[in-house]
C-alpha atoms as a PDB file:
ATOM      1  CA  MET A   1      39.849  -6.460 -43.073  1.00  0.00           C
ATOM      2  CA  LEU A   2      38.340  -3.206 -41.504  1.00  0.00           C
ATOM      3  CA  ASP A   3      34.882  -4.894 -41.007  1.00  0.00           C
ATOM      4  CA  LYS A   4      36.445  -7.865 -39.334  1.00  0.00           C
ATOM      5  CA  PHE A   5      38.600  -5.324 -37.267  1.00  0.00           C
ATOM      6  CA  LEU A   6      35.222  -3.479 -35.840  1.00  0.00           C
ATOM      7  CA  GLU A   7      33.728  -6.951 -35.465  1.00  0.00           C
ATOM      8  CA  TYR A   8      36.652  -7.860 -33.232  1.00  0.00           C
ATOM      9  CA  LEU A   9      36.423  -4.657 -31.211  1.00  0.00           C
ATOM     10  CA  GLN A  10      32.882  -5.211 -30.381  1.00  0.00           C
ATOM     11  CA  PHE A  11      32.460  -8.688 -29.725  1.00  0.00           C
ATOM     12  CA  GLU A  12      36.272  -9.589 -28.316  1.00  0.00           C
ATOM     13  CA  LYS A  13      37.523  -6.440 -26.746  1.00  0.00           C
ATOM     14  CA  ARG A  14      33.734  -5.545 -26.048  1.00  0.00           C
ATOM     15  CA  TYR A  15      34.158  -2.064 -26.584  1.00  0.00           C
ATOM     16  CA  SER A  16      31.582   0.756 -26.342  1.00  0.00           C
ATOM     17  CA  PRO A  17      29.883   2.010 -29.518  1.00  0.00           C
ATOM     18  CA  HIS A  18      31.255   5.257 -29.049  1.00  0.00           C
ATOM     19  CA  THR A  19      35.166   3.915 -28.872  1.00  0.00           C
ATOM     20  CA  ILE A  20      34.031   1.584 -32.155  1.00  0.00           C
ATOM     21  CA  THR A  21      32.723   4.390 -34.269  1.00  0.00           C
ATOM     22  CA  SER A  22      36.077   6.405 -33.400  1.00  0.00           C
ATOM     23  CA  TYR A  23      38.190   3.650 -34.631  1.00  0.00           C
ATOM     24  CA  LYS A  24      36.019   3.593 -37.715  1.00  0.00           C
ATOM     25  CA  LYS A  25      36.502   7.078 -38.349  1.00  0.00           C
ATOM     26  CA  ASP A  26      39.893   7.221 -38.015  1.00  0.00           C
ATOM     27  CA  LEU A  27      40.587   4.244 -40.092  1.00  0.00           C
ATOM     28  CA  GLU A  28      38.181   5.473 -43.030  1.00  0.00           C
ATOM     29  CA  ASP A  29      40.256   8.655 -42.851  1.00  0.00           C
ATOM     30  CA  PHE A  30      43.547   6.748 -43.625  1.00  0.00           C
ATOM     31  CA  SER A  31      41.454   4.528 -46.238  1.00  0.00           C
ATOM     32  CA  HIS A  32      40.575   7.712 -48.123  1.00  0.00           C
ATOM     33  CA  PHE A  33      43.856   9.280 -47.979  1.00  0.00           C
ATOM     34  CA  TYR A  34      45.463   5.659 -49.091  1.00  0.00           C
ATOM     35  CA  LEU A  35      42.926   5.449 -51.915  1.00  0.00           C
ATOM     36  CA  LYS A  36      44.163   9.274 -53.068  1.00  0.00           C
ATOM     37  CA  THR A  37      47.647   8.706 -52.871  1.00  0.00           C
ATOM     38  CA  GLU A  38      47.972   5.036 -54.011  1.00  0.00           C
ATOM     39  CA  SER A  39      44.838   4.449 -55.778  1.00  0.00           C
ATOM     40  CA  SER A  40      44.152   1.293 -53.928  1.00  0.00           C
ATOM     41  CA  GLU A  41      41.061   0.531 -51.078  1.00  0.00           C
ATOM     42  CA  ASP A  42      43.366  -2.281 -49.722  1.00  0.00           C
ATOM     43  CA  ILE A  43      45.466  -0.860 -46.172  1.00  0.00           C
ATOM     44  CA  SER A  44      46.633  -3.731 -45.578  1.00  0.00           C
ATOM     45  CA  ASN A  45      49.292  -3.404 -48.347  1.00  0.00           C
ATOM     46  CA  ALA A  46      50.145   0.169 -46.618  1.00  0.00           C
ATOM     47  CA  ASP A  47      53.924   0.867 -45.704  1.00  0.00           C
ATOM     48  CA  LYS A  48      55.794   3.095 -43.390  1.00  0.00           C
ATOM     49  CA  LYS A  49      56.218   5.903 -46.108  1.00  0.00           C
ATOM     50  CA  VAL A  50      52.394   6.311 -46.673  1.00  0.00           C
ATOM     51  CA  ILE A  51      51.754   6.218 -42.938  1.00  0.00           C
ATOM     52  CA  ARG A  52      54.486   8.942 -42.466  1.00  0.00           C
ATOM     53  CA  ASN A  53      52.825  10.791 -45.257  1.00  0.00           C
ATOM     54  CA  PHE A  54      49.679  10.587 -43.693  1.00  0.00           C
ATOM     55  CA  ILE A  55      50.714  12.118 -40.752  1.00  0.00           C
ATOM     56  CA  VAL A  56      52.230  15.040 -42.573  1.00  0.00           C
ATOM     57  CA  GLU A  57      49.283  15.845 -44.349  1.00  0.00           C
ATOM     58  CA  LEU A  58      47.152  15.592 -41.080  1.00  0.00           C
ATOM     59  CA  SER A  59      49.411  18.153 -39.666  1.00  0.00           C
ATOM     60  CA  GLU A  60      49.531  20.667 -42.688  1.00  0.00           C
ATOM     61  CA  ASN A  61      45.754  20.729 -42.381  1.00  0.00           C
ATOM     62  CA  GLY A  62      45.724  21.786 -38.974  1.00  0.00           C
ATOM     63  CA  ILE A  63      44.774  18.868 -37.053  1.00  0.00           C
ATOM     64  CA  SER A  64      45.779  18.947 -33.610  1.00  0.00           C
ATOM     65  CA  LYS A  65      48.735  16.518 -32.227  1.00  0.00           C
ATOM     66  CA  ARG A  66      46.493  15.058 -29.762  1.00  0.00           C
ATOM     67  CA  SER A  67      44.249  14.041 -32.704  1.00  0.00           C
ATOM     68  CA  ILE A  68      47.144  12.765 -34.903  1.00  0.00           C
ATOM     69  CA  ASN A  69      48.132  10.489 -31.935  1.00  0.00           C
ATOM     70  CA  ARG A  70      44.567   9.060 -31.676  1.00  0.00           C
ATOM     71  CA  LYS A  71      44.608   8.224 -35.392  1.00  0.00           C
ATOM     72  CA  LEU A  72      47.904   6.693 -35.302  1.00  0.00           C
ATOM     73  CA  SER A  73      47.149   4.240 -32.380  1.00  0.00           C
ATOM     74  CA  SER A  74      44.022   3.304 -34.022  1.00  0.00           C
ATOM     75  CA  LEU A  75      46.141   2.241 -37.324  1.00  0.00           C
ATOM     76  CA  ARG A  76      48.367   0.742 -34.836  1.00  0.00           C
ATOM     77  CA  SER A  77      45.701  -1.507 -33.102  1.00  0.00           C
ATOM     78  CA  PHE A  78      44.482  -2.269 -36.550  1.00  0.00           C
ATOM     79  CA  TYR A  79      47.660  -3.475 -38.227  1.00  0.00           C
ATOM     80  CA  LEU A  80      48.499  -5.489 -34.857  1.00  0.00           C
ATOM     81  CA  PHE A  81      44.805  -7.408 -35.350  1.00  0.00           C
ATOM     82  CA  LEU A  82      46.358  -8.078 -39.091  1.00  0.00           C
ATOM     83  CA  LEU A  83      49.554  -9.559 -37.547  1.00  0.00           C
ATOM     84  CA  ARG A  84      47.758 -12.009 -34.930  1.00  0.00           C
ATOM     85  CA  ILE A  85      45.615 -13.391 -37.690  1.00  0.00           C
ATOM     86  CA  GLY A  86      48.358 -13.764 -40.175  1.00  0.00           C
ATOM     87  CA  GLU A  87      47.240 -11.063 -42.825  1.00  0.00           C
ATOM     88  CA  ILE A  88      50.497  -9.401 -42.867  1.00  0.00           C
ATOM     89  CA  THR A  89      53.863 -10.312 -41.169  1.00  0.00           C
ATOM     90  CA  VAL A  90      55.387  -6.655 -40.450  1.00  0.00           C
ATOM     91  CA  SER A  91      53.137  -3.737 -39.230  1.00  0.00           C
ATOM     92  CA  PRO A  92      53.711  -0.794 -41.111  1.00  0.00           C
ATOM     93  CA  THR A  93      53.255   1.403 -38.061  1.00  0.00           C
ATOM     94  CA  GLU A  94      56.353  -0.290 -36.339  1.00  0.00           C
ATOM     95  CA  SER A  95      59.068   2.332 -34.994  1.00  0.00           C
ATOM     96  CA  ILE A  96      56.753   5.279 -36.157  1.00  0.00           C
ATOM     97  CA  SER A  97      56.579   7.270 -32.891  1.00  0.00           C
ATOM     98  CA  SER A  98      53.819   9.286 -31.564  1.00  0.00           C
ATOM     99  CA  LEU A  99      53.985  13.247 -31.930  1.00  0.00           C
ATOM    100  CA  LYS A 100      55.271  14.919 -28.757  1.00  0.00           C
ATOM    101  CA  PHE A 101      53.316  17.556 -27.222  1.00  0.00           C
ATOM    102  CA  TYR A 102      52.367  19.404 -24.014  1.00  0.00           C
ATOM    103  CA  PRO A 103      48.580  18.730 -23.466  1.00  0.00           C
ATOM    104  CA  GLU A 104      46.585  22.102 -22.572  1.00  0.00           C
ATOM    105  CA  LYS A 105      46.161  22.727 -19.041  1.00  0.00           C
ATOM    106  CA  GLN A 106      42.582  21.729 -17.844  1.00  0.00           C
ATOM    107  CA  ILE A 107      41.193  24.600 -15.589  1.00  0.00           C
ATOM    108  CA  PRO A 108      38.045  23.173 -13.628  1.00  0.00           C
ATOM    109  CA  MET A 109      35.541  25.389 -12.485  1.00  0.00           C
ATOM    110  CA  SER A 110      36.109  26.670  -8.999  1.00  0.00           C
ATOM    111  CA  LYS A 111      33.861  25.332  -5.869  1.00  0.00           C
ATOM    112  CA  GLU A 112      32.509  29.154  -6.184  1.00  0.00           C
ATOM    113  CA  GLU A 113      31.543  29.248  -9.670  1.00  0.00           C
ATOM    114  CA  MET A 114      29.621  25.967  -9.046  1.00  0.00           C
ATOM    115  CA  GLN A 115      28.169  27.365  -5.944  1.00  0.00           C
ATOM    116  CA  GLU A 116      26.867  30.522  -8.237  1.00  0.00           C
ATOM    117  CA  LEU A 117      25.615  27.799 -10.749  1.00  0.00           C
ATOM    118  CA  ASN A 118      23.774  26.273  -8.126  1.00  0.00           C
ATOM    119  CA  ASP A 119      22.359  29.715  -6.266  1.00  0.00           C
ATOM    120  CA  ARG A 120      21.636  31.863  -8.957  1.00  0.00           C
ATOM    121  CA  VAL A 121      21.149  29.716 -12.041  1.00  0.00           C
ATOM    122  CA  PHE A 122      19.688  26.436 -11.120  1.00  0.00           C
ATOM    123  CA  GLU A 123      17.041  28.568  -8.580  1.00  0.00           C
ATOM    124  CA  ALA A 124      15.576  30.124 -11.597  1.00  0.00           C
ATOM    125  CA  MET A 125      15.642  26.874 -13.571  1.00  0.00           C
ATOM    126  CA  HIS A 126      12.571  25.285 -14.710  1.00  0.00           C
ATOM    127  CA  ASP A 127      13.768  22.658 -17.100  1.00  0.00           C
ATOM    128  CA  VAL A 128      14.296  19.246 -15.200  1.00  0.00           C
ATOM    129  CA  LEU A 129      16.098  17.069 -17.412  1.00  0.00           C
ATOM    130  CA  GLU A 130      19.001  19.962 -18.172  1.00  0.00           C
ATOM    131  CA  LYS A 131      19.358  20.381 -14.572  1.00  0.00           C
ATOM    132  CA  CYS A 132      19.746  16.674 -14.247  1.00  0.00           C
ATOM    133  CA  ILE A 133      22.418  16.557 -17.090  1.00  0.00           C
ATOM    134  CA  MET A 134      24.415  19.273 -15.096  1.00  0.00           C
ATOM    135  CA  GLU A 135      24.110  17.745 -11.324  1.00  0.00           C
ATOM    136  CA  VAL A 136      24.452  14.377 -12.826  1.00  0.00           C
ATOM    137  CA  LEU A 137      27.849  15.301 -14.762  1.00  0.00           C
ATOM    138  CA  TYR A 138      29.080  17.286 -11.688  1.00  0.00           C
ATOM    139  CA  GLN A 139      28.000  15.145  -8.830  1.00  0.00           C
ATOM    140  CA  THR A 140      29.241  11.849 -10.414  1.00  0.00           C
ATOM    141  CA  GLY A 141      32.231  12.698 -12.441  1.00  0.00           C
ATOM    142  CA  MET A 142      30.344  10.712 -15.340  1.00  0.00           C
ATOM    143  CA  ARG A 143      31.681  10.912 -18.967  1.00  0.00           C
ATOM    144  CA  LYS A 144      29.219  12.396 -21.607  1.00  0.00           C
ATOM    145  CA  ALA A 145      28.888   9.048 -23.304  1.00  0.00           C
ATOM    146  CA  GLU A 146      28.382   7.377 -20.108  1.00  0.00           C
ATOM    147  CA  LEU A 147      25.677   9.786 -19.094  1.00  0.00           C
ATOM    148  CA  CYS A 148      24.121   9.414 -22.764  1.00  0.00           C
ATOM    149  CA  GLY A 149      23.868   5.761 -22.505  1.00  0.00           C
ATOM    150  CA  LEU A 150      22.818   5.302 -18.744  1.00  0.00           C
ATOM    151  CA  ILE A 151      20.516   2.216 -18.626  1.00  0.00           C
ATOM    152  CA  PHE A 152      17.059   2.616 -16.887  1.00  0.00           C
ATOM    153  CA  ASP A 153      17.209  -0.271 -15.091  1.00  0.00           C
ATOM    154  CA  ASN A 154      20.880   0.544 -13.671  1.00  0.00           C
ATOM    155  CA  VAL A 155      19.579   3.357 -11.830  1.00  0.00           C
ATOM    156  CA  ASN A 156      18.851   2.384  -8.059  1.00  0.00           C
ATOM    157  CA  ILE A 157      16.728   5.494  -7.099  1.00  0.00           C
ATOM    158  CA  ASN A 158      16.040   3.668  -3.456  1.00  0.00           C
ATOM    159  CA  GLY A 159      19.602   2.371  -3.010  1.00  0.00           C
ATOM    160  CA  LYS A 160      20.968   5.796  -3.947  1.00  0.00           C
ATOM    161  CA  GLU A 161      23.239   4.333  -6.706  1.00  0.00           C
ATOM    162  CA  LEU A 162      24.006   4.122 -10.286  1.00  0.00           C
ATOM    163  CA  LYS A 163      25.563   1.124 -12.243  1.00  0.00           C
ATOM    164  CA  VAL A 164      27.713   2.811 -15.025  1.00  0.00           C
ATOM    165  CA  ILE A 165      29.205   1.076 -18.056  1.00  0.00           C
ATOM    166  CA  GLY A 166      32.544   2.790 -18.680  1.00  0.00           C
ATOM    167  CA  LYS A 167      35.512   2.085 -21.215  1.00  0.00           C
ATOM    168  CA  GLY A 168      35.940  -1.254 -22.168  1.00  0.00           C
ATOM    169  CA  ASN A 169      32.382  -2.225 -20.956  1.00  0.00           C
ATOM    170  CA  LYS A 170      33.791  -2.074 -17.516  1.00  0.00           C
ATOM    171  CA  GLU A 171      31.067  -1.450 -14.888  1.00  0.00           C
ATOM    172  CA  ARG A 172      31.606   0.530 -11.560  1.00  0.00           C
ATOM    173  CA  PHE A 173      28.952   1.722  -9.372  1.00  0.00           C
ATOM    174  CA  ILE A 174      28.580   5.564  -7.904  1.00  0.00           C
ATOM    175  CA  PRO A 175      26.603   6.662  -4.981  1.00  0.00           C
ATOM    176  CA  ILE A 176      24.353   9.786  -5.471  1.00  0.00           C
ATOM    177  CA  SER A 177      23.551  12.545  -2.713  1.00  0.00           C
ATOM    178  CA  GLU A 178      19.951  12.745  -1.574  1.00  0.00           C
ATOM    179  CA  ASP A 179      19.507  16.097  -3.476  1.00  0.00           C
ATOM    180  CA  LEU A 180      20.308  14.386  -6.612  1.00  0.00           C
ATOM    181  CA  THR A 181      18.124  11.284  -5.858  1.00  0.00           C
ATOM    182  CA  ASN A 182      15.148  13.605  -5.063  1.00  0.00           C
ATOM    183  CA  LEU A 183      15.757  15.610  -8.524  1.00  0.00           C
ATOM    184  CA  LEU A 184      15.993  12.166 -10.526  1.00  0.00           C
ATOM    185  CA  LYS A 185      12.360  11.695  -9.183  1.00  0.00           C
ATOM    186  CA  ASP A 186      11.214  15.034 -10.253  1.00  0.00           C
ATOM    187  CA  TYR A 187      12.513  13.822 -13.670  1.00  0.00           C
ATOM    188  CA  LEU A 188      11.044  10.638 -13.710  1.00  0.00           C
ATOM    189  CA  LYS A 189       7.565  12.556 -13.447  1.00  0.00           C
ATOM    190  CA  ILE A 190       8.145  14.018 -16.860  1.00  0.00           C
ATOM    191  CA  ARG A 191      10.157  11.035 -18.847  1.00  0.00           C
ATOM    192  CA  ASN A 192       8.238   9.731 -21.451  1.00  0.00           C
ATOM    193  CA  PRO A 193      10.303   7.635 -23.975  1.00  0.00           C
ATOM    194  CA  GLN A 194       9.544   6.428 -26.995  1.00  0.00           C
ATOM    195  CA  HIS A 195       9.339   2.414 -27.241  1.00  0.00           C
ATOM    196  CA  GLU A 196      12.723   2.039 -29.083  1.00  0.00           C
ATOM    197  CA  HIS A 197      14.407   4.307 -26.704  1.00  0.00           C
ATOM    198  CA  GLN A 198      12.481   3.243 -23.426  1.00  0.00           C
ATOM    199  CA  SER A 199      15.942   1.147 -21.859  1.00  0.00           C
ATOM    200  CA  TYR A 200      17.393   4.361 -21.610  1.00  0.00           C
ATOM    201  CA  PHE A 201      17.341   6.555 -18.358  1.00  0.00           C
ATOM    202  CA  PHE A 202      17.605  10.010 -20.003  1.00  0.00           C
ATOM    203  CA  VAL A 203      15.700  10.869 -23.396  1.00  0.00           C
ATOM    204  CA  ASN A 204      14.794  14.515 -24.730  1.00  0.00           C
ATOM    205  CA  LYS A 205      11.412  15.941 -24.925  1.00  0.00           C
ATOM    206  CA  LYS A 206      10.736  13.948 -28.070  1.00  0.00           C
ATOM    207  CA  GLY A 207      11.481  10.625 -26.219  1.00  0.00           C
ATOM    208  CA  LYS A 208      14.639   9.726 -27.596  1.00  0.00           C
ATOM    209  CA  LYS A 209      18.067   8.950 -26.388  1.00  0.00           C
ATOM    210  CA  LEU A 210      19.993  12.022 -25.743  1.00  0.00           C
ATOM    211  CA  THR A 211      22.900  12.532 -28.214  1.00  0.00           C
ATOM    212  CA  GLU A 212      26.447  13.774 -26.915  1.00  0.00           C
ATOM    213  CA  LYS A 213      26.045  16.892 -28.930  1.00  0.00           C
ATOM    214  CA  PHE A 214      22.999  17.997 -27.053  1.00  0.00           C
ATOM    215  CA  VAL A 215      24.677  17.343 -23.597  1.00  0.00           C
ATOM    216  CA  TYR A 216      27.825  19.333 -24.759  1.00  0.00           C
ATOM    217  CA  VAL A 217      25.466  22.516 -25.861  1.00  0.00           C
ATOM    218  CA  VAL A 218      23.639  22.336 -22.277  1.00  0.00           C
ATOM    219  CA  VAL A 219      26.403  22.383 -20.192  1.00  0.00           C
ATOM    220  CA  ASN A 220      28.415  25.085 -22.520  1.00  0.00           C
ATOM    221  CA  LYS A 221      25.065  26.974 -22.052  1.00  0.00           C
ATOM    222  CA  TYR A 222      25.065  26.828 -18.513  1.00  0.00           C
ATOM    223  CA  LEU A 223      28.554  27.362 -17.424  1.00  0.00           C
ATOM    224  CA  SER A 224      28.761  30.226 -19.999  1.00  0.00           C
ATOM    225  CA  LEU A 225      26.480  31.936 -17.313  1.00  0.00           C
ATOM    226  CA  ILE A 226      28.897  31.707 -14.294  1.00  0.00           C
ATOM    227  CA  THR A 227      32.451  32.025 -16.030  1.00  0.00           C
ATOM    228  CA  SER A 228      34.478  33.248 -18.781  1.00  0.00           C
ATOM    229  CA  LYS A 229      36.672  30.117 -18.993  1.00  0.00           C
ATOM    230  CA  GLN A 230      37.236  28.983 -22.600  1.00  0.00           C
ATOM    231  CA  LYS A 231      36.764  25.595 -21.648  1.00  0.00           C
ATOM    232  CA  ARG A 232      33.025  24.674 -20.678  1.00  0.00           C
ATOM    233  CA  SER A 233      32.821  20.999 -21.676  1.00  0.00           C
ATOM    234  CA  PRO A 234      31.058  17.988 -19.710  1.00  0.00           C
ATOM    235  CA  HIS A 235      34.826  17.095 -19.435  1.00  0.00           C
ATOM    236  CA  ILE A 236      35.289  20.015 -17.190  1.00  0.00           C
ATOM    237  CA  LEU A 237      32.578  19.144 -15.046  1.00  0.00           C
ATOM    238  CA  ARG A 238      34.263  15.652 -14.854  1.00  0.00           C
ATOM    239  CA  HIS A 239      37.585  17.500 -13.814  1.00  0.00           C
ATOM    240  CA  SER A 240      35.656  19.941 -11.478  1.00  0.00           C
ATOM    241  CA  PHE A 241      33.868  16.812  -9.682  1.00  0.00           C
ATOM    242  CA  ALA A 242      37.527  15.158  -9.278  1.00  0.00           C
ATOM    243  CA  THR A 243      39.257  18.017  -8.037  1.00  0.00           C
ATOM    244  CA  HIS A 244      36.854  19.385  -5.457  1.00  0.00           C
ATOM    245  CA  VAL A 245      36.076  15.884  -4.127  1.00  0.00           C
ATOM    246  CA  LEU A 246      40.044  15.316  -3.488  1.00  0.00           C
ATOM    247  CA  ASP A 247      40.537  18.969  -2.203  1.00  0.00           C
ATOM    248  CA  ASN A 248      37.774  17.996   0.697  1.00  0.00           C
ATOM    249  CA  GLY A 249      39.765  15.157   1.574  1.00  0.00           C
ATOM    250  CA  ALA A 250      38.540  12.162  -0.567  1.00  0.00           C
ATOM    251  CA  GLU A 251      40.732   8.947  -0.733  1.00  0.00           C
ATOM    252  CA  ILE A 252      42.569   9.067  -4.515  1.00  0.00           C
ATOM    253  CA  SER A 253      41.975   5.355  -4.655  1.00  0.00           C
ATOM    254  CA  LYS A 254      38.297   5.739  -4.162  1.00  0.00           C
ATOM    255  CA  VAL A 255      37.963   8.700  -6.524  1.00  0.00           C
ATOM    256  CA  LYS A 256      39.996   6.494  -9.258  1.00  0.00           C
ATOM    257  CA  LYS A 257      36.985   3.996  -8.891  1.00  0.00           C
ATOM    258  CA  ILE A 258      34.419   6.187  -9.261  1.00  0.00           C
ATOM    259  CA  LEU A 259      36.071   7.866 -12.223  1.00  0.00           C
ATOM    260  CA  GLY A 260      36.558   4.577 -13.947  1.00  0.00           C
ATOM    261  CA  HIS A 261      40.105   4.992 -14.637  1.00  0.00           C
ATOM    262  CA  SER A 262      42.609   1.660 -14.842  1.00  0.00           C
ATOM    263  CA  SER A 263      45.432   3.125 -13.260  1.00  0.00           C
ATOM    264  CA  LEU A 264      45.985   5.601 -10.249  1.00  0.00           C
ATOM    265  CA  ALA A 265      48.337   7.730 -12.540  1.00  0.00           C
ATOM    266  CA  SER A 266      45.129   8.570 -14.792  1.00  0.00           C
ATOM    267  CA  THR A 267      43.758  10.073 -11.865  1.00  0.00           C
ATOM    268  CA  GLN A 268      46.334  12.028 -10.488  1.00  0.00           C
ATOM    269  CA  VAL A 269      46.783  13.795 -13.629  1.00  0.00           C
ATOM    270  CA  TYR A 270      43.196  14.350 -14.621  1.00  0.00           C
ATOM    271  CA  THR A 271      42.125  15.629 -11.371  1.00  0.00           C
ATOM    272  CA  ASN A 272      45.422  17.945 -10.648  1.00  0.00           C
ATOM    273  CA  ALA A 273      45.139  17.865  -7.025  1.00  0.00           C
ATOM    274  CA  ASN A 274      46.924  20.770  -5.580  1.00  0.00           C
ATOM    275  CA  ILE A 275      50.171  20.739  -4.115  1.00  0.00           C
ATOM    276  CA  GLU A 276      49.239  22.190  -0.899  1.00  0.00           C
ATOM    277  CA  GLN A 277      46.757  19.371  -0.216  1.00  0.00           C
ATOM    278  CA  LEU A 278      49.219  16.897  -0.907  1.00  0.00           C
ATOM    279  CA  LYS A 279      51.742  18.187   1.501  1.00  0.00           C
ATOM    280  CA  LYS A 280      48.932  18.434   4.150  1.00  0.00           C
ATOM    281  CA  VAL A 281      48.295  15.168   3.952  1.00  0.00           C
ATOM    282  CA  PHE A 282      51.914  14.115   4.095  1.00  0.00           C
ATOM    283  CA  ASN A 283      52.657  16.301   6.713  1.00  0.00           C
ATOM    284  CA  GLN A 284      49.512  14.421   8.701  1.00  0.00           C
ATOM    285  CA  ALA A 285      50.454  11.144   7.560  1.00  0.00           C
ATOM    286  CA  HIS A 286      54.304  10.250   7.006  1.00  0.00           C
ATOM    287  CA  PRO A 287      56.097   9.102  10.238  1.00  0.00           C
ATOM    288  CA  ARG A 288      59.065  11.163   9.523  1.00  0.00           C
ATOM    289  CA  ALA A 289      57.361  14.165   8.404  1.00  0.00           C
ATOM    290  CA  SER A 290      57.259  17.371  10.803  1.00  0.00           C
ATOM    291  CA  LYS A 291      53.954  17.886  12.194  1.00  0.00           C
ATOM    292  CA  LYS A 292      54.943  21.443  12.974  1.00  0.00           C
ATOM    293  CA  GLU A 293      56.851  22.857   9.646  1.00  0.00           C
ATOM    294  CA  GLU A 294      55.662  22.985   6.355  1.00  0.00           C
ATOM    295  CA  LEU A 295      57.566  21.303   3.661  1.00  0.00           C
END
């Protein structure tokens, strides 16, 4: 049933390989727990008590509430699939609520920090690939998985545009600046992919597709040079991109498209646009707002 479910995600839902791998890992974790506690490998027979015990064990092992909720979401999707194909009549996840938690506040890099990175670090930097990784993430808001999976034919250098395949295999187009275009041209001069990896735009020095771990290490290394913030990940560069372009007056609906969000609410939470900017926009745009007084 697990294999059939993963095939369903791949061929019918058209989820990305990264997403499918996450589902597989979550369900395998539960399968191991089920085998240990119930002496069975058939998780289609699981009941609510087993699901709750699984959540308790994860919590006792120090797994974050966010991660537990993700695993619970994977289980919900799996049992909904079993319901659809008639393997079960009731989902064991029914009426089991996600754990409540307050997400950790994501603090983006400041504009000053990113300018320092450009002026002090990049000027003395000779690794074109690593500079490309940093600049593409910050200038496009791309996810690390999207950067690793960027297809060579989807990079339009002359048209200054990237076609990105995001979550759920959704396509979106991202414009790129003149500076970034020139940097990508410099990278193409040293790009030397192995035959089986030549369809990917970014490859490492051995000619292989980039891994997400490699991208994380690169980003963490360079951000550590200009900030003491604890969060120094590719996600923070995505967050910083969105925050900075919104602060500079970009329309949130257009930022939503560039980020590949399905809802405007996701963009609003993700970018954490400051309230002063929202006040300014309101005072300038709303017909009943005072043009002279602050809210």
